[in-house]
PDB file of all heavy atoms in Angstrom:
ATOM      1  N   MET A   1       0.818  -1.216   0.000  1.00  0.00           N
ATOM      2  CA  MET A   1       0.000   0.000   0.000  1.00  0.00           C
ATOM      3  C   MET A   1       0.853   1.267   0.000  1.00  0.00           C
ATOM      4  O   MET A   1       0.371   2.322  -0.394  1.00  0.00           O
ATOM      5  CB  MET A   1      -0.936   0.014   1.214  1.00  0.00           C
ATOM      6  CG  MET A   1      -2.027  -1.037   1.145  1.00  0.00           C
ATOM      7  SD  MET A   1      -2.992  -0.973  -0.378  1.00  0.00           S
ATOM      8  CE  MET A   1      -3.637   0.678  -0.304  1.00  0.00           C
ATOM      9  N   ARG A   2       2.096   1.154   0.427  1.00  0.00           N
ATOM     10  CA  ARG A   2       2.959   2.340   0.441  1.00  0.00           C
ATOM     11  C   ARG A   2       3.120   2.858  -0.976  1.00  0.00           C
ATOM     12  O   ARG A   2       3.501   2.126  -1.883  1.00  0.00           O
ATOM     13  CB  ARG A   2       4.319   2.002   1.032  1.00  0.00           C
ATOM     14  CG  ARG A   2       4.239   1.717   2.511  1.00  0.00           C
ATOM     15  CD  ARG A   2       5.618   1.593   3.129  1.00  0.00           C
ATOM     16  NE  ARG A   2       5.478   1.006   4.445  1.00  0.00           N
ATOM     17  CZ  ARG A   2       5.845  -0.235   4.759  1.00  0.00           C
ATOM     18  NH1 ARG A   2       6.428  -0.996   3.869  1.00  0.00           N
ATOM     19  NH2 ARG A   2       5.656  -0.692   5.975  1.00  0.00           N
ATOM     20  N   ASN A   3       2.793   4.090  -1.182  1.00  0.00           N
ATOM     21  CA  ASN A   3       2.921   4.760  -2.487  1.00  0.00           C
ATOM     22  C   ASN A   3       2.036   4.161  -3.573  1.00  0.00           C
ATOM     23  O   ASN A   3       2.306   4.347  -4.754  1.00  0.00           O
ATOM     24  CB  ASN A   3       4.380   4.782  -2.948  1.00  0.00           C
ATOM     25  CG  ASN A   3       5.280   5.468  -1.953  1.00  0.00           C
ATOM     26  OD1 ASN A   3       4.923   6.527  -1.423  1.00  0.00           O
ATOM     27  ND2 ASN A   3       6.422   4.881  -1.679  1.00  0.00           N
ATOM     28  N   VAL A   4       0.987   3.427  -3.206  1.00  0.00           N
ATOM     29  CA  VAL A   4       0.135   2.799  -4.216  1.00  0.00           C
ATOM     30  C   VAL A   4      -0.546   3.840  -5.099  1.00  0.00           C
ATOM     31  O   VAL A   4      -0.813   3.575  -6.272  1.00  0.00           O
ATOM     32  CB  VAL A   4      -0.896   1.839  -3.577  1.00  0.00           C
ATOM     33  CG1 VAL A   4      -1.981   2.594  -2.833  1.00  0.00           C
ATOM     34  CG2 VAL A   4      -1.501   0.911  -4.617  1.00  0.00           C
ATOM     35  N   THR A   5      -0.786   5.024  -4.558  1.00  0.00           N
ATOM     36  CA  THR A   5      -1.443   6.044  -5.368  1.00  0.00           C
ATOM     37  C   THR A   5      -0.475   6.725  -6.327  1.00  0.00           C
ATOM     38  O   THR A   5      -0.893   7.304  -7.324  1.00  0.00           O
ATOM     39  CB  THR A   5      -2.128   7.108  -4.482  1.00  0.00           C
ATOM     40  OG1 THR A   5      -1.168   7.662  -3.585  1.00  0.00           O
ATOM     41  CG2 THR A   5      -3.276   6.496  -3.700  1.00  0.00           C
ATOM     42  N   GLU A   6       0.831   6.646  -6.043  1.00  0.00           N
ATOM     43  CA  GLU A   6       1.826   7.271  -6.919  1.00  0.00           C
ATOM     44  C   GLU A   6       2.519   6.276  -7.855  1.00  0.00           C
ATOM     45  O   GLU A   6       3.087   6.653  -8.857  1.00  0.00           O
ATOM     46  CB  GLU A   6       2.920   7.972  -6.097  1.00  0.00           C
ATOM     47  CG  GLU A   6       2.450   9.184  -5.322  1.00  0.00           C
ATOM     48  CD  GLU A   6       1.957   8.820  -3.929  1.00  0.00           C
ATOM     49  OE1 GLU A   6       2.467   7.849  -3.353  1.00  0.00           O
ATOM     50  OE2 GLU A   6       1.047   9.499  -3.429  1.00  0.00           O
ATOM     51  N   SER A   7       2.483   5.014  -7.507  1.00  0.00           N
ATOM     52  CA  SER A   7       3.251   4.004  -8.245  1.00  0.00           C
ATOM     53  C   SER A   7       2.328   3.133  -9.096  1.00  0.00           C
ATOM     54  O   SER A   7       1.502   2.394  -8.562  1.00  0.00           O
ATOM     55  CB  SER A   7       4.016   3.122  -7.251  1.00  0.00           C
ATOM     56  OG  SER A   7       4.482   1.959  -7.882  1.00  0.00           O
ATOM     57  N   SER A   8       2.497   3.204 -10.421  1.00  0.00           N
ATOM     58  CA  SER A   8       1.660   2.367 -11.282  1.00  0.00           C
ATOM     59  C   SER A   8       1.973   0.890 -11.055  1.00  0.00           C
ATOM     60  O   SER A   8       1.075   0.053 -11.107  1.00  0.00           O
ATOM     61  CB  SER A   8       1.832   2.740 -12.749  1.00  0.00           C
ATOM     62  OG  SER A   8       3.169   2.534 -13.170  1.00  0.00           O
ATOM     63  N   GLY A   9       3.230   0.558 -10.781  1.00  0.00           N
ATOM     64  CA  GLY A   9       3.583  -0.837 -10.497  1.00  0.00           C
ATOM     65  C   GLY A   9       2.905  -1.335  -9.235  1.00  0.00           C
ATOM     66  O   GLY A   9       2.404  -2.460  -9.185  1.00  0.00           O
ATOM     67  N   GLY A  10       2.869  -0.496  -8.205  1.00  0.00           N
ATOM     68  CA  GLY A  10       2.196  -0.860  -6.959  1.00  0.00           C
ATOM     69  C   GLY A  10       0.713  -1.070  -7.165  1.00  0.00           C
ATOM     70  O   GLY A  10       0.119  -2.012  -6.628  1.00  0.00           O
ATOM     71  N   ARG A  11       0.085  -0.200  -7.961  1.00  0.00           N
ATOM     72  CA  ARG A  11      -1.341  -0.350  -8.266  1.00  0.00           C
ATOM     73  C   ARG A  11      -1.617  -1.667  -8.984  1.00  0.00           C
ATOM     74  O   ARG A  11      -2.584  -2.365  -8.690  1.00  0.00           O
ATOM     75  CB  ARG A  11      -1.841   0.818  -9.121  1.00  0.00           C
ATOM     76  CG  ARG A  11      -2.162   2.055  -8.326  1.00  0.00           C
ATOM     77  CD  ARG A  11      -2.932   3.076  -9.141  1.00  0.00           C
ATOM     78  NE  ARG A  11      -2.224   3.519 -10.337  1.00  0.00           N
ATOM     79  CZ  ARG A  11      -1.270   4.446 -10.356  1.00  0.00           C
ATOM     80  NH1 ARG A  11      -0.899   5.031  -9.239  1.00  0.00           N
ATOM     81  NH2 ARG A  11      -0.697   4.790 -11.487  1.00  0.00           N
ATOM     82  N   VAL A  12      -0.758  -2.009  -9.931  1.00  0.00           N
ATOM     83  CA  VAL A  12      -0.949  -3.249 -10.695  1.00  0.00           C
ATOM     84  C   VAL A  12      -0.881  -4.456  -9.767  1.00  0.00           C
ATOM     85  O   VAL A  12      -1.703  -5.371  -9.865  1.00  0.00           O
ATOM     86  CB  VAL A  12       0.100  -3.364 -11.829  1.00  0.00           C
ATOM     87  CG1 VAL A  12       0.108  -4.756 -12.433  1.00  0.00           C
ATOM     88  CG2 VAL A  12      -0.156  -2.322 -12.896  1.00  0.00           C
ATOM     89  N   ILE A  13       0.068  -4.461  -8.854  1.00  0.00           N
ATOM     90  CA  ILE A  13       0.210  -5.595  -7.925  1.00  0.00           C
ATOM     91  C   ILE A  13      -1.011  -5.719  -7.025  1.00  0.00           C
ATOM     92  O   ILE A  13      -1.568  -6.809  -6.848  1.00  0.00           O
ATOM     93  CB  ILE A  13       1.502  -5.462  -7.099  1.00  0.00           C
ATOM     94  CG1 ILE A  13       2.716  -5.676  -8.010  1.00  0.00           C
ATOM     95  CG2 ILE A  13       1.508  -6.452  -5.930  1.00  0.00           C
ATOM     96  CD1 ILE A  13       4.040  -5.339  -7.369  1.00  0.00           C
ATOM     97  N   VAL A  14      -1.463  -4.609  -6.447  1.00  0.00           N
ATOM     98  CA  VAL A  14      -2.629  -4.643  -5.558  1.00  0.00           C
ATOM     99  C   VAL A  14      -3.868  -5.073  -6.335  1.00  0.00           C
ATOM    100  O   VAL A  14      -4.634  -5.943  -5.889  1.00  0.00           O
ATOM    101  CB  VAL A  14      -2.834  -3.273  -4.871  1.00  0.00           C
ATOM    102  CG1 VAL A  14      -4.162  -3.225  -4.127  1.00  0.00           C
ATOM    103  CG2 VAL A  14      -1.676  -2.995  -3.912  1.00  0.00           C
ATOM    104  N   TYR A  15      -4.070  -4.508  -7.522  1.00  0.00           N
ATOM    105  CA  TYR A  15      -5.221  -4.866  -8.338  1.00  0.00           C
ATOM    106  C   TYR A  15      -5.186  -6.353  -8.709  1.00  0.00           C
ATOM    107  O   TYR A  15      -6.205  -7.047  -8.627  1.00  0.00           O
ATOM    108  CB  TYR A  15      -5.265  -3.998  -9.598  1.00  0.00           C
ATOM    109  CG  TYR A  15      -6.470  -4.252 -10.463  1.00  0.00           C
ATOM    110  CD1 TYR A  15      -7.737  -3.837 -10.067  1.00  0.00           C
ATOM    111  CD2 TYR A  15      -6.348  -4.909 -11.683  1.00  0.00           C
ATOM    112  CE1 TYR A  15      -8.842  -4.067 -10.865  1.00  0.00           C
ATOM    113  CE2 TYR A  15      -7.451  -5.143 -12.475  1.00  0.00           C
ATOM    114  CZ  TYR A  15      -8.694  -4.717 -12.064  1.00  0.00           C
ATOM    115  OH  TYR A  15      -9.797  -4.956 -12.846  1.00  0.00           O
ATOM    116  N   ALA A  16      -4.023  -6.850  -9.094  1.00  0.00           N
ATOM    117  CA  ALA A  16      -3.895  -8.261  -9.464  1.00  0.00           C
ATOM    118  C   ALA A  16      -4.198  -9.174  -8.277  1.00  0.00           C
ATOM    119  O   ALA A  16      -4.864 -10.202  -8.432  1.00  0.00           O
ATOM    120  CB  ALA A  16      -2.491  -8.536 -10.010  1.00  0.00           C
ATOM    121  N   ALA A  17      -3.734  -8.799  -7.098  1.00  0.00           N
ATOM    122  CA  ALA A  17      -3.999  -9.606  -5.901  1.00  0.00           C
ATOM    123  C   ALA A  17      -5.499  -9.644  -5.604  1.00  0.00           C
ATOM    124  O   ALA A  17      -6.050 -10.705  -5.273  1.00  0.00           O
ATOM    125  CB  ALA A  17      -3.218  -9.055  -4.709  1.00  0.00           C
ATOM    126  N   ILE A  18      -6.160  -8.503  -5.727  1.00  0.00           N
ATOM    127  CA  ILE A  18      -7.608  -8.450  -5.485  1.00  0.00           C
ATOM    128  C   ILE A  18      -8.352  -9.301  -6.507  1.00  0.00           C
ATOM    129  O   ILE A  18      -9.220 -10.103  -6.161  1.00  0.00           O
ATOM    130  CB  ILE A  18      -8.111  -6.989  -5.507  1.00  0.00           C
ATOM    131  CG1 ILE A  18      -7.548  -6.217  -4.309  1.00  0.00           C
ATOM    132  CG2 ILE A  18      -9.644  -6.940  -5.524  1.00  0.00           C
ATOM    133  CD1 ILE A  18      -7.753  -4.721  -4.383  1.00  0.00           C
ATOM    134  N   ARG A  19      -8.029  -9.154  -7.794  1.00  0.00           N
ATOM    135  CA  ARG A  19      -8.700  -9.922  -8.845  1.00  0.00           C
ATOM    136  C   ARG A  19      -8.488 -11.429  -8.657  1.00  0.00           C
ATOM    137  O   ARG A  19      -9.401 -12.227  -8.817  1.00  0.00           O
ATOM    138  CB  ARG A  19      -8.180  -9.513 -10.235  1.00  0.00           C
ATOM    139  CG  ARG A  19      -8.480  -8.073 -10.584  1.00  0.00           C
ATOM    140  CD  ARG A  19      -9.847  -7.778 -11.224  1.00  0.00           C
ATOM    141  NE  ARG A  19     -11.074  -8.081 -10.536  1.00  0.00           N
ATOM    142  CZ  ARG A  19     -11.675  -7.338  -9.589  1.00  0.00           C
ATOM    143  NH1 ARG A  19     -11.120  -6.248  -9.154  1.00  0.00           N
ATOM    144  NH2 ARG A  19     -12.816  -7.683  -9.068  1.00  0.00           N
ATOM    145  N   MET A  20      -7.234 -11.797  -8.349  1.00  0.00           N
ATOM    146  CA  MET A  20      -6.917 -13.210  -8.159  1.00  0.00           C
ATOM    147  C   MET A  20      -7.705 -13.784  -6.976  1.00  0.00           C
ATOM    148  O   MET A  20      -8.295 -14.871  -7.078  1.00  0.00           O
ATOM    149  CB  MET A  20      -5.414 -13.389  -7.925  1.00  0.00           C
ATOM    150  CG  MET A  20      -5.011 -14.821  -7.691  1.00  0.00           C
ATOM    151  SD  MET A  20      -3.248 -15.006  -7.399  1.00  0.00           S
ATOM    152  CE  MET A  20      -2.971 -13.870  -6.071  1.00  0.00           C
ATOM    153  N   ALA A  21      -7.719 -13.063  -5.871  1.00  0.00           N
ATOM    154  CA  ALA A  21      -8.450 -13.536  -4.692  1.00  0.00           C
ATOM    155  C   ALA A  21      -9.937 -13.697  -5.009  1.00  0.00           C
ATOM    156  O   ALA A  21     -10.551 -14.705  -4.658  1.00  0.00           O
ATOM    157  CB  ALA A  21      -8.239 -12.575  -3.529  1.00  0.00           C
ATOM    158  N   HIS A  22     -10.520 -12.707  -5.664  1.00  0.00           N
ATOM    159  CA  HIS A  22     -11.936 -12.793  -6.016  1.00  0.00           C
ATOM    160  C   HIS A  22     -12.211 -13.955  -6.965  1.00  0.00           C
ATOM    161  O   HIS A  22     -13.224 -14.649  -6.823  1.00  0.00           O
ATOM    162  CB  HIS A  22     -12.415 -11.481  -6.632  1.00  0.00           C
ATOM    163  CG  HIS A  22     -12.565 -10.379  -5.627  1.00  0.00           C
ATOM    164  ND1 HIS A  22     -12.754  -9.072  -5.991  1.00  0.00           N
ATOM    165  CD2 HIS A  22     -12.547 -10.390  -4.268  1.00  0.00           C
ATOM    166  CE1 HIS A  22     -12.863  -8.321  -4.904  1.00  0.00           C
ATOM    167  NE2 HIS A  22     -12.724  -9.102  -3.844  1.00  0.00           N
ATOM    168  N   ALA A  23     -11.321 -14.185  -7.921  1.00  0.00           N
ATOM    169  CA  ALA A  23     -11.493 -15.310  -8.853  1.00  0.00           C
ATOM    170  C   ALA A  23     -11.473 -16.644  -8.116  1.00  0.00           C
ATOM    171  O   ALA A  23     -12.109 -17.606  -8.562  1.00  0.00           O
ATOM    172  CB  ALA A  23     -10.406 -15.277  -9.926  1.00  0.00           C
ATOM    173  N   LEU A  24     -10.783 -16.687  -6.980  1.00  0.00           N
ATOM    174  CA  LEU A  24     -10.726 -17.908  -6.170  1.00  0.00           C
ATOM    175  C   LEU A  24     -11.807 -17.940  -5.088  1.00  0.00           C
ATOM    176  O   LEU A  24     -11.826 -18.831  -4.245  1.00  0.00           O
ATOM    177  CB  LEU A  24      -9.337 -18.033  -5.510  1.00  0.00           C
ATOM    178  CG  LEU A  24      -8.191 -18.283  -6.484  1.00  0.00           C
ATOM    179  CD1 LEU A  24      -6.849 -18.105  -5.780  1.00  0.00           C
ATOM    180  CD2 LEU A  24      -8.302 -19.677  -7.093  1.00  0.00           C
ATOM    181  N   GLY A  25     -12.703 -16.963  -5.115  1.00  0.00           N
ATOM    182  CA  GLY A  25     -13.807 -16.930  -4.159  1.00  0.00           C
ATOM    183  C   GLY A  25     -13.420 -16.414  -2.783  1.00  0.00           C
ATOM    184  O   GLY A  25     -14.109 -16.707  -1.803  1.00  0.00           O
ATOM    185  N   LYS A  26     -12.349 -15.652  -2.698  1.00  0.00           N
ATOM    186  CA  LYS A  26     -11.869 -15.123  -1.420  1.00  0.00           C
ATOM    187  C   LYS A  26     -12.200 -13.639  -1.301  1.00  0.00           C
ATOM    188  O   LYS A  26     -12.320 -12.931  -2.293  1.00  0.00           O
ATOM    189  CB  LYS A  26     -10.350 -15.269  -1.288  1.00  0.00           C
ATOM    190  CG  LYS A  26      -9.791 -16.588  -1.751  1.00  0.00           C
ATOM    191  CD  LYS A  26      -9.861 -17.637  -0.700  1.00  0.00           C
ATOM    192  CE  LYS A  26      -9.138 -18.903  -1.169  1.00  0.00           C
ATOM    193  NZ  LYS A  26      -9.847 -20.089  -0.787  1.00  0.00           N
ATOM    194  N   LYS A  27     -12.347 -13.158  -0.083  1.00  0.00           N
ATOM    195  CA  LYS A  27     -12.487 -11.736   0.207  1.00  0.00           C
ATOM    196  C   LYS A  27     -11.093 -11.159   0.422  1.00  0.00           C
ATOM    197  O   LYS A  27     -10.139 -11.894   0.693  1.00  0.00           O
ATOM    198  CB  LYS A  27     -13.329 -11.507   1.463  1.00  0.00           C
ATOM    199  CG  LYS A  27     -14.742 -12.007   1.363  1.00  0.00           C
ATOM    200  CD  LYS A  27     -15.575 -11.085   0.541  1.00  0.00           C
ATOM    201  CE  LYS A  27     -17.039 -11.530   0.589  1.00  0.00           C
ATOM    202  NZ  LYS A  27     -17.847 -10.769  -0.308  1.00  0.00           N
ATOM    203  N   VAL A  28     -10.988  -9.819   0.348  1.00  0.00           N
ATOM    204  CA  VAL A  28      -9.689  -9.160   0.461  1.00  0.00           C
ATOM    205  C   VAL A  28      -9.750  -8.018   1.471  1.00  0.00           C
ATOM    206  O   VAL A  28     -10.688  -7.216   1.442  1.00  0.00           O
ATOM    207  CB  VAL A  28      -9.229  -8.587  -0.896  1.00  0.00           C
ATOM    208  CG1 VAL A  28      -7.882  -7.893  -0.769  1.00  0.00           C
ATOM    209  CG2 VAL A  28      -9.167  -9.685  -1.947  1.00  0.00           C
ATOM    210  N   ILE A  29      -8.739  -7.961   2.320  1.00  0.00           N
ATOM    211  CA  ILE A  29      -8.520  -6.829   3.226  1.00  0.00           C
ATOM    212  C   ILE A  29      -7.207  -6.182   2.816  1.00  0.00           C
ATOM    213  O   ILE A  29      -6.189  -6.868   2.694  1.00  0.00           O
ATOM    214  CB  ILE A  29      -8.406  -7.267   4.705  1.00  0.00           C
ATOM    215  CG1 ILE A  29      -9.671  -7.971   5.169  1.00  0.00           C
ATOM    216  CG2 ILE A  29      -8.082  -6.058   5.595  1.00  0.00           C
ATOM    217  CD1 ILE A  29      -9.557  -8.589   6.569  1.00  0.00           C
ATOM    218  N   ALA A  30      -7.220  -4.880   2.597  1.00  0.00           N
ATOM    219  CA  ALA A  30      -5.981  -4.143   2.329  1.00  0.00           C
ATOM    220  C   ALA A  30      -5.525  -3.524   3.646  1.00  0.00           C
ATOM    221  O   ALA A  30      -6.275  -2.774   4.279  1.00  0.00           O
ATOM    222  CB  ALA A  30      -6.205  -3.056   1.286  1.00  0.00           C
ATOM    223  N   GLU A  31      -4.324  -3.865   4.063  1.00  0.00           N
ATOM    224  CA  GLU A  31      -3.753  -3.323   5.303  1.00  0.00           C
ATOM    225  C   GLU A  31      -3.023  -2.018   5.013  1.00  0.00           C
ATOM    226  O   GLU A  31      -2.543  -1.795   3.908  1.00  0.00           O
ATOM    227  CB  GLU A  31      -2.730  -4.301   5.894  1.00  0.00           C
ATOM    228  CG  GLU A  31      -3.273  -5.638   6.276  1.00  0.00           C
ATOM    229  CD  GLU A  31      -2.187  -6.559   6.820  1.00  0.00           C
ATOM    230  OE1 GLU A  31      -1.002  -6.403   6.464  1.00  0.00           O
ATOM    231  OE2 GLU A  31      -2.544  -7.431   7.613  1.00  0.00           O
TER     232      GLU A  31
END
């Protein structure tokens, strides 16, 4: 989450983790 709003790479990683978790039927908490 550090610098996620400024870093396109960070955004991609967080978005991918959320999509992957949802595709597997899991909920996501961002710390």
